[in-house]
Amino acid sequence: FSSVDEVAKANGHVSIISVGWDPGMFSIQRLLGEAILPEGKYYTFWGKGVSQGHSDAIRRVPGVKNAIQYTCPVEDAVNAARSGSLPELTTRQKHTRLCYVVAEDGANLSEIENTIKTMPNYFSDYDTFVNFISEEEFKANHTKMAHGGFVIHSGKTNQNANNHVIEYSLKLDSNPEFTGSVLVAYARAAYRLAKKGDCGAKTVFDIAPSLISPKSAEQLRKELL
């Protein structure tokens, strides 16, 4: 943040960082949950959907011709988060990783599978399942970029007598198209702030919701308030 802020201020520009759905939209929901219900806990679940970074990591493994990875929330963990019981959930308990791999001819499948499952920062902390498929099956069933997820904040009031759950979810047919839509919305905010003479780095936490809308303040009050 500080590096972007320094450059933006030196050049008189507005730069909004960490814009998308996570970080981005989910970050806002986590903030709202903590602000409204400080005696509580938030849980972030991703999927089921394609993780582009994890898919790229698999494709860099020697012997892999093509691959895709789906991040899958564990249903029992999601239900526990929704229950209001404030469970402690580990990384492994919350998600599994499902991989579909097209191997090069003659590649050592066991070696590829082991390399994927033990890859630090990507798969080693998760229950990971590796499936080897043909290139034809990959093209037929695994070329879409769907994704989604949940932010669940569970909190208590009245000396822990009452439970409350706030939930925000996304179900996206196209992760890139949705992320692009978020970027366009926040570009409006950057333009409006710059037009007023503001400059420097911002995050989604610093941007008023009205600044990302194409509607006027009067329209927003009339139609959405």
C-alpha atoms as a PDB file:
ATOM      1  CA  PHE A   1       0.000   0.000   0.000  1.00  0.00           C
ATOM      2  CA  SER A   2       2.694   2.509   0.997  1.00  0.00           C
ATOM      3  CA  SER A   3       4.639   2.022  -2.249  1.00  0.00           C
ATOM      4  CA  VAL A   4       1.560   2.602  -4.411  1.00  0.00           C
ATOM      5  CA  ASP A   5       0.528   5.544  -2.230  1.00  0.00           C
ATOM      6  CA  GLU A   6       3.919   7.205  -2.659  1.00  0.00           C
ATOM      7  CA  VAL A   7       3.908   6.871  -6.451  1.00  0.00           C
ATOM      8  CA  ALA A   8       0.247   7.901  -6.803  1.00  0.00           C
ATOM      9  CA  LYS A   9       0.729  11.045  -4.721  1.00  0.00           C
ATOM     10  CA  ALA A  10       3.923  11.967  -6.548  1.00  0.00           C
ATOM     11  CA  ASN A  11       2.023  11.854  -9.851  1.00  0.00           C
ATOM     12  CA  GLY A  12      -1.295  13.253  -8.655  1.00  0.00           C
ATOM     13  CA  HIS A  13      -3.267  10.088  -9.353  1.00  0.00           C
ATOM     14  CA  VAL A  14      -5.787   7.963  -7.452  1.00  0.00           C
ATOM     15  CA  SER A  15      -4.947   4.245  -7.244  1.00  0.00           C
ATOM     16  CA  ILE A  16      -7.377   1.757  -5.704  1.00  0.00           C
ATOM     17  CA  ILE A  17      -5.715  -1.536  -4.779  1.00  0.00           C
ATOM     18  CA  SER A  18      -7.053  -4.994  -3.858  1.00  0.00           C
ATOM     19  CA  VAL A  19     -10.146  -4.588  -6.041  1.00  0.00           C
ATOM     20  CA  GLY A  20     -12.051  -7.729  -7.020  1.00  0.00           C
ATOM     21  CA  TRP A  21     -14.164 -10.143  -5.031  1.00  0.00           C
ATOM     22  CA  ASP A  22     -11.494 -11.472  -2.654  1.00  0.00           C
ATOM     23  CA  PRO A  23      -9.756  -9.280  -1.823  1.00  0.00           C
ATOM     24  CA  GLY A  24     -12.475  -6.751  -2.560  1.00  0.00           C
ATOM     25  CA  MET A  25     -16.161  -7.523  -2.092  1.00  0.00           C
ATOM     26  CA  PHE A  26     -15.487 -10.205   0.520  1.00  0.00           C
ATOM     27  CA  SER A  27     -13.156  -7.839   2.385  1.00  0.00           C
ATOM     28  CA  ILE A  28     -16.013  -5.354   2.789  1.00  0.00           C
ATOM     29  CA  GLN A  29     -18.300  -8.064   4.145  1.00  0.00           C
ATOM     30  CA  ARG A  30     -15.684  -9.137   6.684  1.00  0.00           C
ATOM     31  CA  LEU A  31     -15.343  -5.527   7.841  1.00  0.00           C
ATOM     32  CA  LEU A  32     -19.121  -5.064   8.126  1.00  0.00           C
ATOM     33  CA  GLY A  33     -19.478  -8.256  10.141  1.00  0.00           C
ATOM     34  CA  GLU A  34     -16.763  -7.299  12.613  1.00  0.00           C
ATOM     35  CA  ALA A  35     -18.067  -3.735  12.949  1.00  0.00           C
ATOM     36  CA  ILE A  36     -21.670  -4.779  13.612  1.00  0.00           C
ATOM     37  CA  LEU A  37     -20.993  -7.915  15.651  1.00  0.00           C
ATOM     38  CA  PRO A  38     -17.569  -7.447  17.287  1.00  0.00           C
ATOM     39  CA  GLU A  39     -18.208 -10.365  19.644  1.00  0.00           C
ATOM     40  CA  GLY A  40     -17.971 -12.969  16.928  1.00  0.00           C
ATOM     41  CA  LYS A  41     -15.959 -14.634  14.201  1.00  0.00           C
ATOM     42  CA  TYR A  42     -15.909 -14.568  10.417  1.00  0.00           C
ATOM     43  CA  TYR A  43     -15.401 -17.499   8.061  1.00  0.00           C
ATOM     44  CA  THR A  44     -14.480 -17.274   4.384  1.00  0.00           C
ATOM     45  CA  PHE A  45     -15.221 -20.163   2.046  1.00  0.00           C
ATOM     46  CA  TRP A  46     -14.300 -20.281  -1.646  1.00  0.00           C
ATOM     47  CA  GLY A  47     -15.934 -22.387  -4.314  1.00  0.00           C
ATOM     48  CA  LYS A  48     -16.888 -24.634  -5.674  1.00  0.00           C
ATOM     49  CA  GLY A  49     -14.918 -23.061  -8.436  1.00  0.00           C
ATOM     50  CA  VAL A  50     -11.752 -22.805 -10.478  1.00  0.00           C
ATOM     51  CA  SER A  51      -8.686 -21.374  -8.779  1.00  0.00           C
ATOM     52  CA  GLN A  52      -6.581 -19.897 -11.568  1.00  0.00           C
ATOM     53  CA  GLY A  53      -3.453 -19.626  -9.421  1.00  0.00           C
ATOM     54  CA  HIS A  54      -3.614 -23.231  -8.241  1.00  0.00           C
ATOM     55  CA  SER A  55      -4.342 -24.443 -11.777  1.00  0.00           C
ATOM     56  CA  ASP A  56      -1.275 -22.567 -13.031  1.00  0.00           C
ATOM     57  CA  ALA A  57       0.814 -24.145 -10.269  1.00  0.00           C
ATOM     58  CA  ILE A  58      -0.176 -27.638 -11.415  1.00  0.00           C
ATOM     59  CA  ARG A  59       0.557 -26.804 -15.054  1.00  0.00           C
ATOM     60  CA  ARG A  60       4.132 -25.941 -14.054  1.00  0.00           C
ATOM     61  CA  VAL A  61       4.719 -29.465 -12.709  1.00  0.00           C
ATOM     62  CA  PRO A  62       7.002 -31.483 -15.049  1.00  0.00           C
ATOM     63  CA  GLY A  63       5.002 -34.011 -17.071  1.00  0.00           C
ATOM     64  CA  VAL A  64       1.734 -32.043 -16.919  1.00  0.00           C
ATOM     65  CA  LYS A  65       0.242 -31.049 -20.271  1.00  0.00           C
ATOM     66  CA  ASN A  66      -2.858 -29.304 -18.922  1.00  0.00           C
ATOM     67  CA  ALA A  67      -4.681 -29.047 -15.615  1.00  0.00           C
ATOM     68  CA  ILE A  68      -7.442 -27.369 -13.687  1.00  0.00           C
ATOM     69  CA  GLN A  69      -8.065 -27.150  -9.950  1.00  0.00           C
ATOM     70  CA  TYR A  70     -11.408 -26.707  -8.198  1.00  0.00           C
ATOM     71  CA  THR A  71     -11.559 -25.309  -4.679  1.00  0.00           C
ATOM     72  CA  CYS A  72     -14.416 -27.006  -2.807  1.00  0.00           C
ATOM     73  CA  PRO A  73     -15.862 -25.874   0.529  1.00  0.00           C
ATOM     74  CA  VAL A  74     -16.447 -28.702   3.000  1.00  0.00           C
ATOM     75  CA  GLU A  75     -20.192 -28.833   3.650  1.00  0.00           C
ATOM     76  CA  ASP A  76     -19.848 -29.804   7.317  1.00  0.00           C
ATOM     77  CA  ALA A  77     -17.590 -26.808   7.922  1.00  0.00           C
ATOM     78  CA  VAL A  78     -19.994 -24.420   6.173  1.00  0.00           C
ATOM     79  CA  ASN A  79     -22.881 -25.730   8.271  1.00  0.00           C
ATOM     80  CA  ALA A  80     -20.816 -25.370  11.444  1.00  0.00           C
ATOM     81  CA  ALA A  81     -20.024 -21.748  10.573  1.00  0.00           C
ATOM     82  CA  ARG A  82     -23.709 -21.054   9.945  1.00  0.00           C
ATOM     83  CA  SER A  83     -24.750 -22.641  13.242  1.00  0.00           C
ATOM     84  CA  GLY A  84     -23.688 -19.710  15.404  1.00  0.00           C
ATOM     85  CA  SER A  85     -21.505 -21.933  17.592  1.00  0.00           C
ATOM     86  CA  LEU A  86     -18.285 -20.074  16.580  1.00  0.00           C
ATOM     87  CA  PRO A  87     -16.295 -23.232  15.761  1.00  0.00           C
ATOM     88  CA  GLU A  88     -12.524 -23.216  15.343  1.00  0.00           C
ATOM     89  CA  LEU A  89     -11.909 -24.510  11.815  1.00  0.00           C
ATOM     90  CA  THR A  90      -8.510 -25.347  10.351  1.00  0.00           C
ATOM     91  CA  THR A  91      -7.495 -24.744   6.748  1.00  0.00           C
ATOM     92  CA  ARG A  92      -7.833 -28.469   6.032  1.00  0.00           C
ATOM     93  CA  GLN A  93     -11.290 -28.635   7.603  1.00  0.00           C
ATOM     94  CA  LYS A  94     -12.707 -25.812   5.481  1.00  0.00           C
ATOM     95  CA  HIS A  95     -11.724 -26.743   1.916  1.00  0.00           C
ATOM     96  CA  THR A  96     -10.645 -29.597  -0.301  1.00  0.00           C
ATOM     97  CA  ARG A  97      -8.808 -29.245  -3.599  1.00  0.00           C
ATOM     98  CA  LEU A  98      -9.931 -31.267  -6.601  1.00  0.00           C
ATOM     99  CA  CYS A  99      -7.475 -31.509  -9.491  1.00  0.00           C
ATOM    100  CA  TYR A 100      -7.981 -32.766 -13.047  1.00  0.00           C
ATOM    101  CA  VAL A 101      -4.716 -33.358 -14.875  1.00  0.00           C
ATOM    102  CA  VAL A 102      -3.818 -34.210 -18.465  1.00  0.00           C
ATOM    103  CA  ALA A 103      -0.376 -35.825 -18.349  1.00  0.00           C
ATOM    104  CA  GLU A 104       2.244 -35.895 -21.077  1.00  0.00           C
ATOM    105  CA  ASP A 105       2.686 -39.259 -22.788  1.00  0.00           C
ATOM    106  CA  GLY A 106       4.973 -41.459 -20.705  1.00  0.00           C
ATOM    107  CA  ALA A 107       4.908 -39.186 -17.661  1.00  0.00           C
ATOM    108  CA  ASN A 108       5.224 -40.700 -14.184  1.00  0.00           C
ATOM    109  CA  LEU A 109       1.705 -40.267 -12.796  1.00  0.00           C
ATOM    110  CA  SER A 110       2.608 -41.182  -9.219  1.00  0.00           C
ATOM    111  CA  GLU A 111       5.394 -38.617  -9.215  1.00  0.00           C
ATOM    112  CA  ILE A 112       3.077 -35.917 -10.587  1.00  0.00           C
ATOM    113  CA  GLU A 113       0.432 -36.691  -7.972  1.00  0.00           C
ATOM    114  CA  ASN A 114       2.941 -36.595  -5.127  1.00  0.00           C
ATOM    115  CA  THR A 115       4.439 -33.315  -6.366  1.00  0.00           C
ATOM    116  CA  ILE A 116       0.997 -31.715  -6.434  1.00  0.00           C
ATOM    117  CA  LYS A 117      -0.141 -32.983  -3.040  1.00  0.00           C
ATOM    118  CA  THR A 118       3.053 -31.904  -1.275  1.00  0.00           C
ATOM    119  CA  MET A 119       3.375 -28.498  -2.956  1.00  0.00           C
ATOM    120  CA  PRO A 120       3.837 -25.885  -0.199  1.00  0.00           C
ATOM    121  CA  ASN A 121       1.615 -22.779  -0.162  1.00  0.00           C
ATOM    122  CA  TYR A 122      -0.791 -24.433  -2.596  1.00  0.00           C
ATOM    123  CA  PHE A 123      -1.791 -27.995  -1.684  1.00  0.00           C
ATOM    124  CA  SER A 124       0.156 -29.373   1.275  1.00  0.00           C
ATOM    125  CA  ASP A 125      -2.260 -27.931   3.859  1.00  0.00           C
ATOM    126  CA  TYR A 126      -5.359 -29.397   2.180  1.00  0.00           C
ATOM    127  CA  ASP A 127      -6.914 -32.757   1.424  1.00  0.00           C
ATOM    128  CA  THR A 128      -6.099 -32.843  -2.287  1.00  0.00           C
ATOM    129  CA  PHE A 129      -7.513 -35.256  -4.858  1.00  0.00           C
ATOM    130  CA  VAL A 130      -5.765 -35.741  -8.209  1.00  0.00           C
ATOM    131  CA  ASN A 131      -7.609 -37.243 -11.184  1.00  0.00           C
ATOM    132  CA  PHE A 132      -5.847 -38.005 -14.466  1.00  0.00           C
ATOM    133  CA  ILE A 133      -8.062 -37.543 -17.523  1.00  0.00           C
ATOM    134  CA  SER A 134      -7.725 -37.428 -21.308  1.00  0.00           C
ATOM    135  CA  GLU A 135      -7.294 -34.213 -23.248  1.00  0.00           C
ATOM    136  CA  GLU A 136     -10.684 -34.813 -24.880  1.00  0.00           C
ATOM    137  CA  GLU A 137     -12.430 -35.056 -21.500  1.00  0.00           C
ATOM    138  CA  PHE A 138     -10.633 -31.929 -20.323  1.00  0.00           C
ATOM    139  CA  LYS A 139     -11.816 -29.909 -23.335  1.00  0.00           C
ATOM    140  CA  ALA A 140     -15.370 -31.238 -22.986  1.00  0.00           C
ATOM    141  CA  ASN A 141     -15.867 -30.724 -19.256  1.00  0.00           C
ATOM    142  CA  HIS A 142     -13.227 -28.451 -17.735  1.00  0.00           C
ATOM    143  CA  THR A 143     -12.839 -25.236 -19.725  1.00  0.00           C
ATOM    144  CA  LYS A 144     -15.256 -22.917 -17.908  1.00  0.00           C
ATOM    145  CA  MET A 145     -14.094 -20.430 -15.260  1.00  0.00           C
ATOM    146  CA  ALA A 146     -16.921 -20.610 -12.723  1.00  0.00           C
ATOM    147  CA  HIS A 147     -16.261 -19.697  -9.098  1.00  0.00           C
ATOM    148  CA  GLY A 148     -17.919 -18.303  -5.988  1.00  0.00           C
ATOM    149  CA  GLY A 149     -17.906 -18.458  -2.238  1.00  0.00           C
ATOM    150  CA  PHE A 150     -19.283 -17.274   1.084  1.00  0.00           C
ATOM    151  CA  VAL A 151     -18.391 -14.896   3.870  1.00  0.00           C
ATOM    152  CA  ILE A 152     -20.181 -15.914   7.055  1.00  0.00           C
ATOM    153  CA  HIS A 153     -19.931 -13.781  10.200  1.00  0.00           C
ATOM    154  CA  SER A 154     -21.405 -15.229  13.364  1.00  0.00           C
ATOM    155  CA  GLY A 155     -21.696 -13.095  16.476  1.00  0.00           C
ATOM    156  CA  LYS A 156     -23.399 -12.783  19.833  1.00  0.00           C
ATOM    157  CA  THR A 157     -25.209 -10.002  21.724  1.00  0.00           C
ATOM    158  CA  ASN A 158     -26.927  -9.574  25.101  1.00  0.00           C
ATOM    159  CA  GLN A 159     -24.121 -11.248  27.071  1.00  0.00           C
ATOM    160  CA  ASN A 160     -23.968 -14.138  24.582  1.00  0.00           C
ATOM    161  CA  ALA A 161     -27.684 -14.879  24.964  1.00  0.00           C
ATOM    162  CA  ASN A 162     -28.502 -14.320  21.284  1.00  0.00           C
ATOM    163  CA  ASN A 163     -26.768 -15.529  18.121  1.00  0.00           C
ATOM    164  CA  HIS A 164     -26.718 -13.670  14.812  1.00  0.00           C
ATOM    165  CA  VAL A 165     -25.373 -14.766  11.433  1.00  0.00           C
ATOM    166  CA  ILE A 166     -24.544 -12.472   8.515  1.00  0.00           C
ATOM    167  CA  GLU A 167     -23.917 -14.199   5.195  1.00  0.00           C
ATOM    168  CA  TYR A 168     -22.826 -12.909   1.806  1.00  0.00           C
ATOM    169  CA  SER A 169     -22.370 -15.254  -1.132  1.00  0.00           C
ATOM    170  CA  LEU A 170     -21.347 -15.233  -4.772  1.00  0.00           C
ATOM    171  CA  LYS A 171     -22.071 -17.775  -7.501  1.00  0.00           C
ATOM    172  CA  LEU A 172     -20.233 -16.832 -10.680  1.00  0.00           C
ATOM    173  CA  ASP A 173     -20.461 -18.434 -14.114  1.00  0.00           C
ATOM    174  CA  SER A 174     -17.344 -16.495 -15.140  1.00  0.00           C
ATOM    175  CA  ASN A 175     -14.830 -15.406 -12.535  1.00  0.00           C
ATOM    176  CA  PRO A 176     -12.884 -13.157 -14.977  1.00  0.00           C
ATOM    177  CA  GLU A 177     -16.029 -11.412 -16.247  1.00  0.00           C
ATOM    178  CA  PHE A 178     -17.333 -10.725 -12.745  1.00  0.00           C
ATOM    179  CA  THR A 179     -13.936  -9.507 -11.542  1.00  0.00           C
ATOM    180  CA  GLY A 180     -13.764  -7.206 -14.569  1.00  0.00           C
ATOM    181  CA  SER A 181     -17.174  -5.799 -13.636  1.00  0.00           C
ATOM    182  CA  VAL A 182     -15.928  -5.018 -10.122  1.00  0.00           C
ATOM    183  CA  LEU A 183     -12.859  -3.286 -11.560  1.00  0.00           C
ATOM    184  CA  VAL A 184     -15.021  -1.093 -13.804  1.00  0.00           C
ATOM    185  CA  ALA A 185     -17.198  -0.073 -10.848  1.00  0.00           C
ATOM    186  CA  TYR A 186     -14.170   0.981  -8.804  1.00  0.00           C
ATOM    187  CA  ALA A 187     -12.669   2.776 -11.811  1.00  0.00           C
ATOM    188  CA  ARG A 188     -15.700   5.095 -11.572  1.00  0.00           C
ATOM    189  CA  ALA A 189     -14.757   5.847  -7.992  1.00  0.00           C
ATOM    190  CA  ALA A 190     -11.129   6.516  -8.915  1.00  0.00           C
ATOM    191  CA  TYR A 191     -12.243   8.900 -11.664  1.00  0.00           C
ATOM    192  CA  ARG A 192     -14.633  10.782  -9.380  1.00  0.00           C
ATOM    193  CA  LEU A 193     -12.084  11.126  -6.594  1.00  0.00           C
ATOM    194  CA  ALA A 194      -9.404  12.330  -9.010  1.00  0.00           C
ATOM    195  CA  LYS A 195     -11.819  14.846 -10.500  1.00  0.00           C
ATOM    196  CA  LYS A 196     -12.246  16.339  -7.011  1.00  0.00           C
ATOM    197  CA  GLY A 197      -8.480  16.667  -6.646  1.00  0.00           C
ATOM    198  CA  ASP A 198      -7.869  13.642  -4.434  1.00  0.00           C
ATOM    199  CA  CYS A 199      -4.778  11.499  -4.932  1.00  0.00           C
ATOM    200  CA  GLY A 200      -2.932   8.582  -3.383  1.00  0.00           C
ATOM    201  CA  ALA A 201      -3.635   4.924  -2.729  1.00  0.00           C
ATOM    202  CA  LYS A 202      -7.015   3.661  -1.553  1.00  0.00           C
ATOM    203  CA  THR A 203      -8.536   0.277  -0.777  1.00  0.00           C
ATOM    204  CA  VAL A 204     -12.154  -0.804  -1.030  1.00  0.00           C
ATOM    205  CA  PHE A 205     -12.469   0.159   2.653  1.00  0.00           C
ATOM    206  CA  ASP A 206     -11.903   3.816   1.735  1.00  0.00           C
ATOM    207  CA  ILE A 207     -14.485   4.040  -1.057  1.00  0.00           C
ATOM    208  CA  ALA A 208     -18.056   5.137  -0.324  1.00  0.00           C
ATOM    209  CA  PRO A 209     -20.592   2.842  -2.040  1.00  0.00           C
ATOM    210  CA  SER A 210     -22.167   5.775  -3.886  1.00  0.00           C
ATOM    211  CA  LEU A 211     -18.874   6.432  -5.689  1.00  0.00           C
ATOM    212  CA  ILE A 212     -18.948   3.106  -7.534  1.00  0.00           C
ATOM    213  CA  SER A 213     -22.535   3.495  -8.782  1.00  0.00           C
ATOM    214  CA  PRO A 214     -23.334   5.034 -12.182  1.00  0.00           C
ATOM    215  CA  LYS A 215     -26.433   6.620 -10.597  1.00  0.00           C
ATOM    216  CA  SER A 216     -26.646  10.049  -9.035  1.00  0.00           C
ATOM    217  CA  ALA A 217     -26.995  10.525  -5.286  1.00  0.00           C
ATOM    218  CA  GLU A 218     -30.609  11.584  -5.846  1.00  0.00           C
ATOM    219  CA  GLN A 219     -31.363   8.400  -7.816  1.00  0.00           C
ATOM    220  CA  LEU A 220     -29.745   6.234  -5.161  1.00  0.00           C
ATOM    221  CA  ARG A 221     -31.793   7.825  -2.379  1.00  0.00           C
ATOM    222  CA  LYS A 222     -35.002   7.447  -4.377  1.00  0.00           C
ATOM    223  CA  GLU A 223     -34.487   3.923  -5.733  1.00  0.00           C
ATOM    224  CA  LEU A 224     -32.307   2.016  -3.277  1.00  0.00           C
ATOM    225  CA  LEU A 225     -32.331   3.626   0.157  1.00  0.00           C
END
